[in-house]
């Protein structure tokens, strides 16, 4: 890790960059957990340029993470009543397990504190053992679970994890 920069996603170029990162990351990371058709469906419906634009218009904040001039991941957060929600946090395969996820979590905690939040929550796929272990290492605890129909016969089967700031 050298010069980590978190750039707020504001314009179409940034949104397109985020959507391209999402497509790459989802297809390299979730291939062992989800069917290819579900990955394609989720990227198209939740991480495409159109979906990200819509989410930003609804109040989500997206950030692209750079090390120097290399875009290596992104995250999205949302202000909720009573807690700060990490909607997305993804790092490309070449940069995982090198402290970038932890750096993103520190940035997210700073953003949450600046807004006056005392708790951060996220949802994580129940079989995403590596991420669950990483979140637990950073102080998150499983507080609930849910199954949500996301359309086309697919579901999200997730834990809800929370960390007190």
N, C-alpha and C. Protein backbone atom coordinates (compact mmCIF):
# COMPACT_ATOMS: atom_id res chain seq x y z
N UNK A 1 0.85 -1.19 0.00
CA UNK A 1 0.00 0.00 0.00
C UNK A 1 0.88 1.23 0.00
N UNK A 2 0.54 2.14 -0.87
CA UNK A 2 1.27 3.40 -0.91
C UNK A 2 0.32 4.55 -0.62
N UNK A 3 -0.06 5.27 -1.62
CA UNK A 3 -0.91 6.45 -1.43
C UNK A 3 -2.37 6.12 -1.68
N UNK A 4 -3.09 5.71 -0.64
CA UNK A 4 -4.50 5.36 -0.80
C UNK A 4 -5.32 6.65 -0.84
N UNK A 5 -6.16 6.73 -1.87
CA UNK A 5 -7.05 7.87 -2.04
C UNK A 5 -8.45 7.33 -2.23
N UNK A 6 -9.40 7.97 -1.57
CA UNK A 6 -10.81 7.63 -1.74
C UNK A 6 -11.46 8.78 -2.48
N UNK A 7 -11.91 8.51 -3.70
CA UNK A 7 -12.51 9.54 -4.53
C UNK A 7 -14.03 9.38 -4.52
N UNK A 8 -14.73 10.44 -4.18
CA UNK A 8 -16.19 10.42 -4.21
C UNK A 8 -16.65 10.28 -5.66
N UNK A 9 -17.56 9.35 -5.89
CA UNK A 9 -18.13 9.14 -7.22
C UNK A 9 -19.17 10.22 -7.46
N UNK A 10 -18.92 11.06 -8.47
CA UNK A 10 -19.81 12.20 -8.70
C UNK A 10 -20.34 12.30 -10.12
N UNK A 11 -19.53 11.92 -11.10
CA UNK A 11 -19.94 12.14 -12.48
C UNK A 11 -20.05 10.81 -13.23
N UNK A 12 -20.48 10.89 -14.47
CA UNK A 12 -20.70 9.69 -15.28
C UNK A 12 -19.42 8.87 -15.44
N UNK A 13 -18.30 9.54 -15.62
CA UNK A 13 -17.03 8.82 -15.76
C UNK A 13 -16.74 7.98 -14.51
N UNK A 14 -16.94 8.56 -13.33
CA UNK A 14 -16.72 7.84 -12.08
C UNK A 14 -17.72 6.69 -11.92
N UNK A 15 -18.97 6.96 -12.30
CA UNK A 15 -20.00 5.92 -12.20
C UNK A 15 -19.67 4.76 -13.12
N UNK A 16 -19.26 5.06 -14.35
CA UNK A 16 -18.87 4.01 -15.29
C UNK A 16 -17.68 3.21 -14.75
N UNK A 17 -16.71 3.90 -14.16
CA UNK A 17 -15.54 3.23 -13.57
C UNK A 17 -15.99 2.27 -12.45
N UNK A 18 -16.91 2.74 -11.62
CA UNK A 18 -17.42 1.91 -10.52
C UNK A 18 -18.15 0.69 -11.07
N UNK A 19 -18.99 0.89 -12.07
CA UNK A 19 -19.73 -0.22 -12.68
C UNK A 19 -18.77 -1.24 -13.30
N UNK A 20 -17.71 -0.76 -13.93
CA UNK A 20 -16.71 -1.67 -14.51
C UNK A 20 -15.98 -2.45 -13.42
N UNK A 21 -15.63 -1.78 -12.33
CA UNK A 21 -15.02 -2.48 -11.19
C UNK A 21 -15.97 -3.54 -10.65
N UNK A 22 -17.24 -3.18 -10.51
CA UNK A 22 -18.23 -4.11 -9.98
C UNK A 22 -18.32 -5.36 -10.85
N UNK A 23 -18.41 -5.17 -12.14
CA UNK A 23 -18.53 -6.31 -13.05
C UNK A 23 -17.31 -7.23 -12.92
N UNK A 24 -16.14 -6.64 -12.88
CA UNK A 24 -14.90 -7.43 -12.74
C UNK A 24 -14.87 -8.17 -11.40
N UNK A 25 -15.10 -7.43 -10.32
CA UNK A 25 -14.98 -8.01 -8.98
C UNK A 25 -16.03 -9.09 -8.75
N UNK A 26 -17.27 -8.82 -9.09
CA UNK A 26 -18.34 -9.80 -8.87
C UNK A 26 -18.05 -11.10 -9.61
N UNK A 27 -17.59 -11.02 -10.84
CA UNK A 27 -17.34 -12.24 -11.60
C UNK A 27 -16.10 -13.00 -11.11
N UNK A 28 -15.14 -12.32 -10.52
CA UNK A 28 -13.97 -13.03 -10.01
C UNK A 28 -14.18 -13.54 -8.58
N UNK A 29 -15.03 -12.88 -7.81
CA UNK A 29 -15.16 -13.23 -6.40
C UNK A 29 -16.31 -14.19 -6.11
N UNK A 30 -17.45 -13.96 -6.70
CA UNK A 30 -18.64 -14.72 -6.34
C UNK A 30 -18.84 -15.99 -7.15
N UNK A 31 -17.92 -16.33 -8.04
CA UNK A 31 -18.09 -17.50 -8.90
C UNK A 31 -18.20 -18.82 -8.12
N UNK A 32 -17.67 -18.87 -6.90
CA UNK A 32 -17.78 -20.08 -6.09
C UNK A 32 -18.98 -20.09 -5.16
N UNK A 33 -19.67 -18.95 -5.06
CA UNK A 33 -20.82 -18.84 -4.14
C UNK A 33 -22.16 -18.76 -4.85
N UNK A 34 -22.16 -18.16 -6.04
CA UNK A 34 -23.40 -17.90 -6.76
C UNK A 34 -23.31 -18.46 -8.17
N UNK A 35 -24.46 -18.76 -8.74
CA UNK A 35 -24.51 -19.20 -10.13
C UNK A 35 -24.16 -18.03 -11.05
N UNK A 36 -23.52 -18.30 -12.17
CA UNK A 36 -23.18 -17.21 -13.10
C UNK A 36 -24.40 -16.36 -13.48
N UNK A 37 -25.55 -16.98 -13.65
CA UNK A 37 -26.76 -16.23 -14.00
C UNK A 37 -27.15 -15.25 -12.90
N UNK A 38 -26.96 -15.65 -11.63
CA UNK A 38 -27.29 -14.74 -10.53
C UNK A 38 -26.27 -13.60 -10.45
N UNK A 39 -25.01 -13.89 -10.69
CA UNK A 39 -24.00 -12.83 -10.70
C UNK A 39 -24.34 -11.81 -11.78
N UNK A 40 -24.63 -12.29 -12.99
CA UNK A 40 -24.99 -11.39 -14.08
C UNK A 40 -26.22 -10.56 -13.72
N UNK A 41 -27.22 -11.21 -13.14
CA UNK A 41 -28.46 -10.52 -12.76
C UNK A 41 -28.19 -9.43 -11.72
N UNK A 42 -27.41 -9.77 -10.69
CA UNK A 42 -27.15 -8.81 -9.61
C UNK A 42 -26.30 -7.64 -10.10
N UNK A 43 -25.29 -7.92 -10.93
CA UNK A 43 -24.48 -6.83 -11.46
C UNK A 43 -25.35 -5.92 -12.32
N UNK A 44 -26.15 -6.50 -13.18
CA UNK A 44 -27.00 -5.72 -14.08
C UNK A 44 -28.03 -4.88 -13.32
N UNK A 45 -28.60 -5.46 -12.26
CA UNK A 45 -29.69 -4.77 -11.56
C UNK A 45 -29.25 -3.91 -10.38
N UNK A 46 -28.07 -4.18 -9.83
CA UNK A 46 -27.65 -3.47 -8.62
C UNK A 46 -26.30 -2.76 -8.75
N UNK A 47 -25.51 -3.07 -9.79
CA UNK A 47 -24.17 -2.51 -9.89
C UNK A 47 -23.85 -1.98 -11.28
N UNK A 48 -24.84 -1.79 -12.11
CA UNK A 48 -24.64 -1.23 -13.44
C UNK A 48 -24.56 0.29 -13.34
N UNK A 49 -24.17 0.93 -14.43
CA UNK A 49 -24.14 2.40 -14.46
C UNK A 49 -25.50 2.97 -14.09
N UNK A 50 -26.56 2.41 -14.65
CA UNK A 50 -27.91 2.89 -14.36
C UNK A 50 -28.29 2.68 -12.90
N UNK A 51 -27.97 1.51 -12.34
CA UNK A 51 -28.31 1.21 -10.95
C UNK A 51 -27.54 2.12 -9.99
N UNK A 52 -26.25 2.31 -10.25
CA UNK A 52 -25.43 3.16 -9.38
C UNK A 52 -25.92 4.60 -9.44
N UNK A 53 -26.23 5.08 -10.64
CA UNK A 53 -26.76 6.43 -10.79
C UNK A 53 -28.04 6.59 -9.98
N UNK A 54 -28.92 5.63 -10.07
CA UNK A 54 -30.18 5.68 -9.32
C UNK A 54 -29.92 5.68 -7.81
N UNK A 55 -28.99 4.84 -7.36
CA UNK A 55 -28.68 4.78 -5.93
C UNK A 55 -28.09 6.10 -5.43
N UNK A 56 -27.22 6.70 -6.21
CA UNK A 56 -26.65 8.00 -5.82
C UNK A 56 -27.77 9.04 -5.72
N UNK A 57 -28.70 9.01 -6.66
CA UNK A 57 -29.84 9.94 -6.62
C UNK A 57 -30.74 9.71 -5.41
N UNK A 58 -30.69 8.50 -4.86
CA UNK A 58 -31.47 8.16 -3.66
C UNK A 58 -30.72 8.47 -2.36
N UNK A 59 -29.48 8.93 -2.46
CA UNK A 59 -28.73 9.30 -1.26
C UNK A 59 -27.53 8.43 -0.92
N UNK A 60 -27.29 7.37 -1.68
CA UNK A 60 -26.10 6.58 -1.44
C UNK A 60 -24.87 7.42 -1.78
N UNK A 61 -23.77 7.16 -1.09
CA UNK A 61 -22.49 7.78 -1.40
C UNK A 61 -21.54 6.67 -1.84
N UNK A 62 -21.00 6.83 -3.02
CA UNK A 62 -20.04 5.87 -3.57
C UNK A 62 -18.65 6.48 -3.54
N UNK A 63 -17.66 5.63 -3.30
CA UNK A 63 -16.26 6.04 -3.30
C UNK A 63 -15.44 4.99 -4.04
N UNK A 64 -14.54 5.45 -4.90
CA UNK A 64 -13.58 4.55 -5.54
C UNK A 64 -12.27 4.65 -4.78
N UNK A 65 -11.66 3.51 -4.53
CA UNK A 65 -10.39 3.47 -3.82
C UNK A 65 -9.25 3.34 -4.83
N UNK A 66 -8.29 4.23 -4.69
CA UNK A 66 -7.12 4.24 -5.57
C UNK A 66 -5.85 4.04 -4.74
N UNK A 67 -4.92 3.29 -5.30
CA UNK A 67 -3.56 3.24 -4.79
C UNK A 67 -2.71 3.84 -5.91
N UNK A 68 -2.24 5.05 -5.70
CA UNK A 68 -1.61 5.78 -6.80
C UNK A 68 -2.68 6.08 -7.83
N UNK A 69 -2.45 5.64 -9.06
CA UNK A 69 -3.46 5.89 -10.10
C UNK A 69 -4.24 4.63 -10.47
N UNK A 70 -4.11 3.57 -9.65
CA UNK A 70 -4.79 2.31 -9.91
C UNK A 70 -6.08 2.24 -9.09
N UNK A 71 -7.21 2.11 -9.78
CA UNK A 71 -8.50 1.91 -9.10
C UNK A 71 -8.57 0.44 -8.69
N UNK A 72 -8.66 0.20 -7.39
CA UNK A 72 -8.59 -1.18 -6.90
C UNK A 72 -9.84 -1.65 -6.19
N UNK A 73 -10.79 -0.77 -5.98
CA UNK A 73 -12.02 -1.18 -5.32
C UNK A 73 -12.94 -0.01 -5.11
N UNK A 74 -14.04 -0.28 -4.46
CA UNK A 74 -15.02 0.77 -4.20
C UNK A 74 -15.90 0.37 -3.02
N UNK A 75 -16.58 1.37 -2.47
CA UNK A 75 -17.60 1.08 -1.48
C UNK A 75 -18.73 2.09 -1.62
N UNK A 76 -19.88 1.72 -1.07
CA UNK A 76 -21.04 2.60 -1.06
C UNK A 76 -21.64 2.56 0.34
N UNK A 77 -22.06 3.71 0.81
CA UNK A 77 -22.64 3.83 2.14
C UNK A 77 -23.96 4.59 2.06
N UNK A 78 -24.77 4.38 3.08
CA UNK A 78 -26.07 5.03 3.12
C UNK A 78 -26.41 5.40 4.56
N UNK A 79 -26.95 6.60 4.73
CA UNK A 79 -27.40 7.03 6.05
C UNK A 79 -28.77 6.41 6.31
N UNK A 80 -28.88 5.70 7.42
CA UNK A 80 -30.13 5.10 7.85
C UNK A 80 -30.49 5.66 9.21
N UNK A 81 -31.73 5.47 9.60
CA UNK A 81 -32.12 5.91 10.93
C UNK A 81 -31.54 4.97 11.97
N UNK A 82 -30.64 5.49 12.81
CA UNK A 82 -30.08 4.71 13.90
C UNK A 82 -28.74 4.04 13.60
N UNK A 83 -28.36 3.93 12.33
CA UNK A 83 -27.08 3.31 12.00
C UNK A 83 -26.63 3.75 10.61
N UNK A 84 -25.32 3.60 10.38
CA UNK A 84 -24.72 3.90 9.09
C UNK A 84 -24.56 2.57 8.37
N UNK A 85 -25.01 2.50 7.13
CA UNK A 85 -25.06 1.23 6.40
C UNK A 85 -24.00 1.17 5.30
N UNK A 86 -23.20 0.11 5.34
CA UNK A 86 -22.25 -0.16 4.26
C UNK A 86 -23.00 -1.03 3.25
N UNK A 87 -23.38 -0.41 2.16
CA UNK A 87 -24.15 -1.11 1.14
C UNK A 87 -23.25 -2.03 0.30
N UNK A 88 -22.04 -1.57 0.01
CA UNK A 88 -21.11 -2.32 -0.81
C UNK A 88 -19.69 -2.01 -0.38
N UNK A 89 -18.86 -3.04 -0.40
CA UNK A 89 -17.42 -2.84 -0.20
C UNK A 89 -16.71 -3.98 -0.93
N UNK A 90 -15.97 -3.61 -1.97
CA UNK A 90 -15.35 -4.61 -2.83
C UNK A 90 -13.94 -4.17 -3.23
N UNK A 91 -13.02 -5.14 -3.23
CA UNK A 91 -11.63 -4.92 -3.62
C UNK A 91 -11.30 -5.93 -4.73
N UNK A 92 -10.60 -5.48 -5.77
CA UNK A 92 -10.22 -6.41 -6.83
C UNK A 92 -9.29 -7.49 -6.29
N UNK A 93 -9.32 -8.62 -6.96
CA UNK A 93 -8.60 -9.81 -6.50
C UNK A 93 -7.11 -9.54 -6.24
N UNK A 94 -6.46 -8.81 -7.12
CA UNK A 94 -5.02 -8.57 -6.99
C UNK A 94 -4.65 -7.78 -5.74
N UNK A 95 -5.61 -7.09 -5.13
CA UNK A 95 -5.32 -6.23 -3.99
C UNK A 95 -5.93 -6.72 -2.67
N UNK A 96 -6.55 -7.90 -2.68
CA UNK A 96 -7.12 -8.43 -1.45
C UNK A 96 -6.03 -8.92 -0.51
N UNK A 97 -6.38 -8.93 0.77
CA UNK A 97 -5.50 -9.43 1.83
C UNK A 97 -4.20 -8.62 1.96
N UNK A 98 -4.30 -7.32 1.63
CA UNK A 98 -3.14 -6.45 1.73
C UNK A 98 -3.44 -5.21 2.57
N UNK A 99 -4.58 -5.19 3.26
CA UNK A 99 -4.91 -4.07 4.13
C UNK A 99 -5.83 -3.02 3.51
N UNK A 100 -6.19 -3.19 2.26
CA UNK A 100 -7.05 -2.19 1.60
C UNK A 100 -8.47 -2.21 2.15
N UNK A 101 -8.98 -3.40 2.43
CA UNK A 101 -10.31 -3.49 3.03
C UNK A 101 -10.35 -2.82 4.39
N UNK A 102 -9.31 -3.04 5.17
CA UNK A 102 -9.22 -2.40 6.48
C UNK A 102 -9.13 -0.88 6.34
N UNK A 103 -8.36 -0.42 5.36
CA UNK A 103 -8.26 1.03 5.12
C UNK A 103 -9.61 1.60 4.73
N UNK A 104 -10.36 0.86 3.91
CA UNK A 104 -11.70 1.31 3.53
C UNK A 104 -12.61 1.37 4.76
N UNK A 105 -12.49 0.40 5.64
CA UNK A 105 -13.32 0.40 6.86
C UNK A 105 -12.99 1.60 7.76
N UNK A 106 -11.71 1.95 7.85
CA UNK A 106 -11.34 3.14 8.63
C UNK A 106 -11.96 4.39 8.02
N UNK A 107 -11.91 4.48 6.70
CA UNK A 107 -12.52 5.62 6.01
C UNK A 107 -14.02 5.66 6.26
N UNK A 108 -14.67 4.51 6.16
CA UNK A 108 -16.12 4.43 6.39
C UNK A 108 -16.44 4.84 7.83
N UNK A 109 -15.65 4.38 8.78
CA UNK A 109 -15.88 4.76 10.18
C UNK A 109 -15.75 6.26 10.36
N UNK A 110 -14.76 6.87 9.71
CA UNK A 110 -14.59 8.33 9.78
C UNK A 110 -15.80 9.05 9.20
N UNK A 111 -16.29 8.58 8.06
CA UNK A 111 -17.48 9.19 7.45
C UNK A 111 -18.67 9.07 8.39
N UNK A 112 -18.86 7.87 8.95
CA UNK A 112 -19.98 7.63 9.86
C UNK A 112 -19.90 8.55 11.09
N UNK A 113 -18.71 8.65 11.67
CA UNK A 113 -18.52 9.51 12.84
C UNK A 113 -18.80 10.97 12.50
N UNK A 114 -18.37 11.41 11.31
CA UNK A 114 -18.62 12.79 10.89
C UNK A 114 -20.11 13.08 10.76
N UNK A 115 -20.89 12.06 10.45
CA UNK A 115 -22.34 12.22 10.39
C UNK A 115 -23.00 12.02 11.75
N UNK A 116 -22.22 11.65 12.76
CA UNK A 116 -22.75 11.49 14.11
C UNK A 116 -23.25 10.09 14.44
N UNK A 117 -22.91 9.11 13.63
CA UNK A 117 -23.37 7.74 13.90
C UNK A 117 -22.48 7.05 14.92
N UNK A 118 -23.08 6.11 15.65
CA UNK A 118 -22.34 5.32 16.63
C UNK A 118 -22.25 3.84 16.24
N UNK A 119 -23.03 3.45 15.23
CA UNK A 119 -23.04 2.06 14.78
C UNK A 119 -22.94 2.00 13.26
N UNK A 120 -22.23 0.96 12.78
CA UNK A 120 -22.14 0.66 11.35
C UNK A 120 -22.71 -0.74 11.15
N UNK A 121 -23.51 -0.89 10.10
CA UNK A 121 -24.03 -2.21 9.75
C UNK A 121 -23.71 -2.52 8.29
N UNK A 122 -23.71 -3.82 8.01
CA UNK A 122 -23.57 -4.31 6.64
C UNK A 122 -24.29 -5.64 6.54
N UNK A 123 -24.54 -6.06 5.33
CA UNK A 123 -25.06 -7.42 5.13
C UNK A 123 -24.03 -8.19 4.31
N UNK A 124 -23.94 -9.48 4.58
CA UNK A 124 -22.94 -10.32 3.93
C UNK A 124 -23.56 -11.70 3.66
N UNK A 125 -23.27 -12.24 2.49
CA UNK A 125 -23.77 -13.56 2.11
C UNK A 125 -23.37 -14.58 3.18
N UNK A 126 -24.30 -15.42 3.58
CA UNK A 126 -24.06 -16.37 4.67
C UNK A 126 -22.91 -17.34 4.41
N UNK A 127 -22.58 -17.57 3.14
CA UNK A 127 -21.50 -18.50 2.82
C UNK A 127 -20.22 -17.79 2.39
N UNK A 128 -20.17 -16.50 2.63
CA UNK A 128 -18.98 -15.71 2.30
C UNK A 128 -18.06 -15.72 3.53
N UNK A 129 -17.52 -16.89 3.80
CA UNK A 129 -16.75 -17.11 5.04
C UNK A 129 -15.53 -16.21 5.18
N UNK A 130 -14.83 -15.94 4.09
CA UNK A 130 -13.64 -15.08 4.18
C UNK A 130 -14.02 -13.67 4.62
N UNK A 131 -15.08 -13.13 4.02
CA UNK A 131 -15.50 -11.77 4.39
C UNK A 131 -16.04 -11.73 5.81
N UNK A 132 -16.82 -12.73 6.18
CA UNK A 132 -17.36 -12.78 7.55
C UNK A 132 -16.21 -12.78 8.55
N UNK A 133 -15.20 -13.60 8.31
CA UNK A 133 -14.04 -13.66 9.21
C UNK A 133 -13.31 -12.31 9.26
N UNK A 134 -13.16 -11.66 8.11
CA UNK A 134 -12.49 -10.35 8.08
C UNK A 134 -13.30 -9.32 8.85
N UNK A 135 -14.61 -9.32 8.67
CA UNK A 135 -15.46 -8.36 9.39
C UNK A 135 -15.41 -8.62 10.90
N UNK A 136 -15.43 -9.88 11.29
CA UNK A 136 -15.34 -10.20 12.72
C UNK A 136 -14.01 -9.73 13.30
N UNK A 137 -12.95 -9.88 12.54
CA UNK A 137 -11.62 -9.43 12.97
C UNK A 137 -11.60 -7.91 13.19
N UNK A 138 -12.45 -7.19 12.41
CA UNK A 138 -12.52 -5.73 12.53
C UNK A 138 -13.56 -5.28 13.56
N UNK A 139 -14.15 -6.24 14.29
CA UNK A 139 -15.05 -5.88 15.37
C UNK A 139 -16.54 -5.99 15.07
N UNK A 140 -16.90 -6.48 13.90
CA UNK A 140 -18.32 -6.67 13.58
C UNK A 140 -18.83 -7.96 14.21
N UNK A 141 -20.12 -7.94 14.56
CA UNK A 141 -20.78 -9.11 15.12
C UNK A 141 -22.06 -9.37 14.34
N UNK A 142 -22.38 -10.65 14.15
CA UNK A 142 -23.63 -11.01 13.50
C UNK A 142 -24.77 -10.70 14.46
N UNK A 143 -25.74 -9.91 13.99
CA UNK A 143 -26.88 -9.55 14.85
C UNK A 143 -28.21 -10.07 14.33
N UNK A 144 -28.24 -10.52 13.07
CA UNK A 144 -29.50 -10.99 12.49
C UNK A 144 -29.19 -11.65 11.15
N UNK A 145 -30.22 -12.19 10.52
CA UNK A 145 -30.08 -12.74 9.17
C UNK A 145 -31.39 -12.51 8.43
N UNK A 146 -31.32 -12.61 7.11
CA UNK A 146 -32.54 -12.46 6.31
C UNK A 146 -32.37 -13.16 4.97
N UNK A 147 -33.51 -13.49 4.38
CA UNK A 147 -33.56 -13.99 3.02
C UNK A 147 -34.50 -13.06 2.28
N UNK A 148 -34.01 -12.47 1.17
CA UNK A 148 -34.82 -11.52 0.41
C UNK A 148 -34.92 -11.95 -1.05
N UNK A 149 -36.12 -11.97 -1.57
CA UNK A 149 -36.36 -12.25 -2.98
C UNK A 149 -35.91 -11.02 -3.78
N UNK A 150 -34.97 -11.21 -4.69
CA UNK A 150 -34.48 -10.08 -5.49
C UNK A 150 -34.95 -10.16 -6.93
N UNK A 151 -35.82 -11.10 -7.22
CA UNK A 151 -36.38 -11.22 -8.55
C UNK A 151 -35.74 -12.31 -9.38
N UNK A 152 -36.42 -12.69 -10.44
CA UNK A 152 -35.96 -13.71 -11.39
C UNK A 152 -35.60 -15.04 -10.73
N UNK A 153 -36.23 -15.34 -9.61
CA UNK A 153 -35.99 -16.59 -8.91
C UNK A 153 -34.76 -16.59 -8.02
N UNK A 154 -34.12 -15.44 -7.86
CA UNK A 154 -32.91 -15.35 -7.03
C UNK A 154 -33.24 -14.75 -5.67
N UNK A 155 -32.44 -15.12 -4.67
CA UNK A 155 -32.59 -14.56 -3.32
C UNK A 155 -31.23 -14.11 -2.80
N UNK A 156 -31.29 -13.18 -1.86
CA UNK A 156 -30.11 -12.83 -1.06
C UNK A 156 -30.31 -13.54 0.27
N UNK A 157 -29.34 -14.32 0.68
CA UNK A 157 -29.38 -15.08 1.93
C UNK A 157 -28.21 -14.58 2.77
N UNK A 158 -28.48 -13.56 3.60
CA UNK A 158 -27.41 -12.79 4.23
C UNK A 158 -27.50 -12.73 5.74
N UNK A 159 -26.35 -12.47 6.35
CA UNK A 159 -26.28 -12.06 7.75
C UNK A 159 -26.25 -10.54 7.78
N UNK A 160 -26.73 -9.99 8.86
CA UNK A 160 -26.55 -8.57 9.16
C UNK A 160 -25.50 -8.51 10.25
N UNK A 161 -24.46 -7.70 10.01
CA UNK A 161 -23.39 -7.56 10.98
C UNK A 161 -23.33 -6.10 11.41
N UNK A 162 -22.92 -5.88 12.66
CA UNK A 162 -22.86 -4.53 13.20
C UNK A 162 -21.58 -4.34 14.00
N UNK A 163 -21.11 -3.10 13.95
CA UNK A 163 -19.94 -2.71 14.73
C UNK A 163 -20.25 -1.40 15.40
N UNK A 164 -19.94 -1.32 16.69
CA UNK A 164 -20.09 -0.04 17.41
C UNK A 164 -18.81 0.76 17.22
N UNK A 165 -19.00 2.05 16.98
CA UNK A 165 -17.83 2.92 16.78
C UNK A 165 -17.30 3.43 18.11
